[in-house]
Amino acid sequence: MIIIGIVGICLVLLVLAFLMPRFSRHPERGTQKALGLGTRTGGKAPGPLGRLLSKPFRSSQKAVGRSGSAGRRGRGKLPF
């Protein structure tokens, strides 16, 4: 269920970054901030369990950043 939500957020950010590159940064930062909270919370668990619990949030943060930058990069390649 969480994976579907992250994929949906990434798609929305990709389209938003392509259509309105300047206005896509705020939602992207907000999403990354929320996922960072999950990373920090999961990382507080002791030992390897902390790394295991925080990893999905870290990889989701990367995916959100990549989808936003890919949309802006695609928009930058347009001739107009």
N, C-alpha and C. Protein backbone atom coordinates (compact mmCIF):
# COMPACT_ATOMS: atom_id res chain seq x y z
N MET A 1 0.83 -1.20 0.00
CA MET A 1 0.00 0.00 0.00
C MET A 1 0.87 1.26 0.00
N ILE A 2 1.92 1.22 0.80
CA ILE A 2 2.81 2.38 0.86
C ILE A 2 3.52 2.57 -0.46
N ILE A 3 3.90 1.47 -1.10
CA ILE A 3 4.61 1.55 -2.38
C ILE A 3 3.73 2.22 -3.42
N ILE A 4 2.47 1.88 -3.45
CA ILE A 4 1.54 2.48 -4.41
C ILE A 4 1.42 3.98 -4.15
N GLY A 5 1.39 4.37 -2.87
CA GLY A 5 1.32 5.79 -2.53
C GLY A 5 2.55 6.56 -2.97
N ILE A 6 3.73 5.98 -2.77
CA ILE A 6 4.98 6.64 -3.17
C ILE A 6 5.05 6.76 -4.69
N VAL A 7 4.65 5.71 -5.40
CA VAL A 7 4.64 5.75 -6.86
C VAL A 7 3.67 6.83 -7.35
N GLY A 8 2.52 6.93 -6.71
CA GLY A 8 1.55 7.97 -7.07
C GLY A 8 2.10 9.37 -6.83
N ILE A 9 2.75 9.56 -5.71
CA ILE A 9 3.34 10.87 -5.40
C ILE A 9 4.43 11.21 -6.42
N CYS A 10 5.24 10.22 -6.77
CA CYS A 10 6.30 10.45 -7.75
C CYS A 10 5.72 10.84 -9.11
N LEU A 11 4.64 10.16 -9.52
CA LEU A 11 4.03 10.50 -10.80
C LEU A 11 3.43 11.90 -10.79
N VAL A 12 2.78 12.26 -9.70
CA VAL A 12 2.21 13.60 -9.59
C VAL A 12 3.31 14.65 -9.64
N LEU A 13 4.42 14.40 -8.93
CA LEU A 13 5.52 15.35 -8.95
C LEU A 13 6.18 15.43 -10.31
N LEU A 14 6.28 14.31 -11.01
CA LEU A 14 6.85 14.30 -12.35
C LEU A 14 6.04 15.17 -13.30
N VAL A 15 4.73 14.99 -13.28
CA VAL A 15 3.84 15.78 -14.15
C VAL A 15 3.85 17.25 -13.73
N LEU A 16 3.81 17.51 -12.43
CA LEU A 16 3.82 18.88 -11.94
C LEU A 16 5.13 19.58 -12.31
N ALA A 17 6.25 18.86 -12.19
CA ALA A 17 7.55 19.44 -12.53
C ALA A 17 7.65 19.70 -14.02
N PHE A 18 7.02 18.86 -14.82
CA PHE A 18 7.05 19.07 -16.27
C PHE A 18 6.19 20.25 -16.68
N LEU A 19 5.01 20.36 -16.08
CA LEU A 19 4.10 21.43 -16.46
C LEU A 19 4.44 22.77 -15.83
N MET A 20 4.80 22.75 -14.55
CA MET A 20 5.11 23.98 -13.82
C MET A 20 6.39 23.78 -12.99
N PRO A 21 7.55 23.90 -13.63
CA PRO A 21 8.80 23.55 -12.93
C PRO A 21 9.05 24.37 -11.67
N ARG A 22 8.72 25.63 -11.70
CA ARG A 22 8.99 26.48 -10.55
C ARG A 22 8.10 26.14 -9.36
N PHE A 23 6.87 25.78 -9.65
CA PHE A 23 5.91 25.51 -8.58
C PHE A 23 5.98 24.08 -8.06
N SER A 24 6.81 23.26 -8.67
CA SER A 24 6.91 21.87 -8.23
C SER A 24 7.87 21.71 -7.06
N ARG A 25 8.70 22.70 -6.81
CA ARG A 25 9.71 22.56 -5.76
C ARG A 25 9.11 22.50 -4.37
N HIS A 26 8.09 23.28 -4.12
CA HIS A 26 7.50 23.31 -2.78
C HIS A 26 6.86 21.97 -2.41
N PRO A 27 6.03 21.38 -3.28
CA PRO A 27 5.49 20.05 -2.93
C PRO A 27 6.59 18.99 -2.82
N GLU A 28 7.61 19.10 -3.64
CA GLU A 28 8.70 18.13 -3.57
C GLU A 28 9.43 18.23 -2.22
N ARG A 29 9.72 19.43 -1.80
CA ARG A 29 10.39 19.62 -0.51
C ARG A 29 9.52 19.18 0.66
N GLY A 30 8.23 19.45 0.57
CA GLY A 30 7.32 19.02 1.63
C GLY A 30 7.25 17.50 1.74
N THR A 31 7.22 16.83 0.60
CA THR A 31 7.20 15.37 0.61
C THR A 31 8.49 14.82 1.16
N GLN A 32 9.61 15.41 0.75
CA GLN A 32 10.90 14.94 1.26
C GLN A 32 11.04 15.20 2.76
N LYS A 33 10.48 16.29 3.21
CA LYS A 33 10.53 16.59 4.64
C LYS A 33 9.74 15.56 5.44
N ALA A 34 8.57 15.19 4.94
CA ALA A 34 7.75 14.19 5.62
C ALA A 34 8.43 12.83 5.62
N LEU A 35 9.04 12.48 4.50
CA LEU A 35 9.75 11.20 4.45
C LEU A 35 11.00 11.23 5.31
N GLY A 36 11.62 12.38 5.43
CA GLY A 36 12.78 12.51 6.31
C GLY A 36 12.40 12.29 7.77
N LEU A 37 11.21 12.70 8.12
CA LEU A 37 10.72 12.45 9.48
C LEU A 37 10.59 10.95 9.74
N GLY A 38 10.09 10.22 8.75
CA GLY A 38 10.01 8.77 8.87
C GLY A 38 11.38 8.13 8.97
N THR A 39 12.35 8.66 8.21
CA THR A 39 13.71 8.14 8.25
C THR A 39 14.32 8.34 9.63
N ARG A 40 14.15 9.53 10.18
CA ARG A 40 14.71 9.81 11.50
C ARG A 40 14.04 8.97 12.58
N THR A 41 12.73 8.81 12.47
CA THR A 41 12.01 8.03 13.47
C THR A 41 12.41 6.56 13.40
N GLY A 42 12.49 6.02 12.19
CA GLY A 42 12.89 4.63 12.03
C GLY A 42 14.32 4.38 12.45
N GLY A 43 15.17 5.38 12.23
CA GLY A 43 16.58 5.25 12.58
C GLY A 43 16.85 5.25 14.07
N LYS A 44 15.87 5.61 14.86
CA LYS A 44 16.06 5.64 16.32
C LYS A 44 15.97 4.25 16.94
N ALA A 45 15.52 3.28 16.17
CA ALA A 45 15.49 1.91 16.69
C ALA A 45 16.93 1.42 16.85
N PRO A 46 17.18 0.56 17.80
CA PRO A 46 18.56 0.15 18.07
C PRO A 46 19.15 -0.77 16.99
N GLY A 47 20.42 -0.55 16.70
CA GLY A 47 21.22 -1.43 15.86
C GLY A 47 20.74 -1.56 14.44
N PRO A 48 20.87 -2.76 13.89
CA PRO A 48 20.50 -3.00 12.50
C PRO A 48 19.01 -2.80 12.23
N LEU A 49 18.21 -2.94 13.26
CA LEU A 49 16.77 -2.72 13.09
C LEU A 49 16.49 -1.27 12.67
N GLY A 50 17.25 -0.32 13.22
CA GLY A 50 17.08 1.08 12.86
C GLY A 50 17.38 1.33 11.39
N ARG A 51 18.45 0.71 10.90
CA ARG A 51 18.79 0.86 9.47
C ARG A 51 17.73 0.21 8.60
N LEU A 52 17.22 -0.93 9.04
CA LEU A 52 16.20 -1.64 8.28
C LEU A 52 14.89 -0.85 8.22
N LEU A 53 14.53 -0.21 9.31
CA LEU A 53 13.27 0.54 9.34
C LEU A 53 13.36 1.88 8.61
N SER A 54 14.56 2.46 8.54
CA SER A 54 14.67 3.77 7.90
C SER A 54 14.95 3.68 6.40
N LYS A 55 15.38 2.51 5.93
CA LYS A 55 15.74 2.37 4.52
C LYS A 55 14.59 2.66 3.55
N PRO A 56 13.37 2.17 3.76
CA PRO A 56 12.30 2.48 2.79
C PRO A 56 12.04 3.98 2.67
N PHE A 57 12.18 4.70 3.76
CA PHE A 57 11.95 6.15 3.70
C PHE A 57 13.07 6.85 2.95
N ARG A 58 14.31 6.38 3.14
CA ARG A 58 15.44 6.97 2.42
C ARG A 58 15.31 6.75 0.92
N SER A 59 14.96 5.53 0.53
CA SER A 59 14.84 5.26 -0.90
C SER A 59 13.63 6.00 -1.49
N SER A 60 12.60 6.20 -0.71
CA SER A 60 11.45 6.97 -1.19
C SER A 60 11.82 8.44 -1.37
N GLN A 61 12.65 8.96 -0.48
CA GLN A 61 13.12 10.34 -0.62
C GLN A 61 13.90 10.50 -1.91
N LYS A 62 14.76 9.54 -2.20
CA LYS A 62 15.54 9.59 -3.44
C LYS A 62 14.63 9.55 -4.66
N ALA A 63 13.62 8.69 -4.62
CA ALA A 63 12.70 8.55 -5.75
C ALA A 63 11.92 9.84 -5.99
N VAL A 64 11.50 10.50 -4.92
CA VAL A 64 10.76 11.76 -5.06
C VAL A 64 11.66 12.83 -5.67
N GLY A 65 12.90 12.90 -5.22
CA GLY A 65 13.83 13.88 -5.77
C GLY A 65 14.14 13.61 -7.23
N ARG A 66 14.30 12.35 -7.57
CA ARG A 66 14.60 12.00 -8.97
C ARG A 66 13.43 12.30 -9.90
N SER A 67 12.21 12.03 -9.45
CA SER A 67 11.06 12.27 -10.32
C SER A 67 10.85 13.76 -10.55
N GLY A 68 11.05 14.57 -9.52
CA GLY A 68 10.93 16.01 -9.70
C GLY A 68 11.99 16.56 -10.63
N SER A 69 13.23 16.12 -10.44
CA SER A 69 14.30 16.62 -11.29
C SER A 69 14.15 16.12 -12.73
N ALA A 70 13.64 14.90 -12.91
CA ALA A 70 13.42 14.38 -14.25
C ALA A 70 12.36 15.19 -14.99
N GLY A 71 11.31 15.59 -14.30
CA GLY A 71 10.28 16.42 -14.93
C GLY A 71 10.81 17.78 -15.33
N ARG A 72 11.61 18.38 -14.46
CA ARG A 72 12.19 19.68 -14.80
C ARG A 72 13.22 19.56 -15.92
N ARG A 73 13.99 18.48 -15.91
CA ARG A 73 14.98 18.26 -16.95
C ARG A 73 14.29 18.03 -18.30
N GLY A 74 13.19 17.29 -18.31
CA GLY A 74 12.43 17.06 -19.54
C GLY A 74 11.83 18.35 -20.07
N ARG A 75 11.35 19.18 -19.17
CA ARG A 75 10.79 20.46 -19.60
C ARG A 75 11.88 21.35 -20.19
N GLY A 76 13.08 21.28 -19.62
CA GLY A 76 14.18 22.09 -20.12
C GLY A 76 14.63 21.71 -21.52
N LYS A 77 14.34 20.50 -21.95
CA LYS A 77 14.75 20.05 -23.28
C LYS A 77 13.76 20.43 -24.37
N LEU A 78 12.60 20.97 -23.99
CA LEU A 78 11.63 21.37 -24.98
C LEU A 78 12.12 22.59 -25.75
N PRO A 79 11.75 22.70 -27.01
CA PRO A 79 12.25 23.83 -27.81
C PRO A 79 11.60 25.18 -27.49
N PHE A 80 10.51 25.18 -26.73
CA PHE A 80 9.86 26.47 -26.43
C PHE A 80 9.97 26.81 -24.99
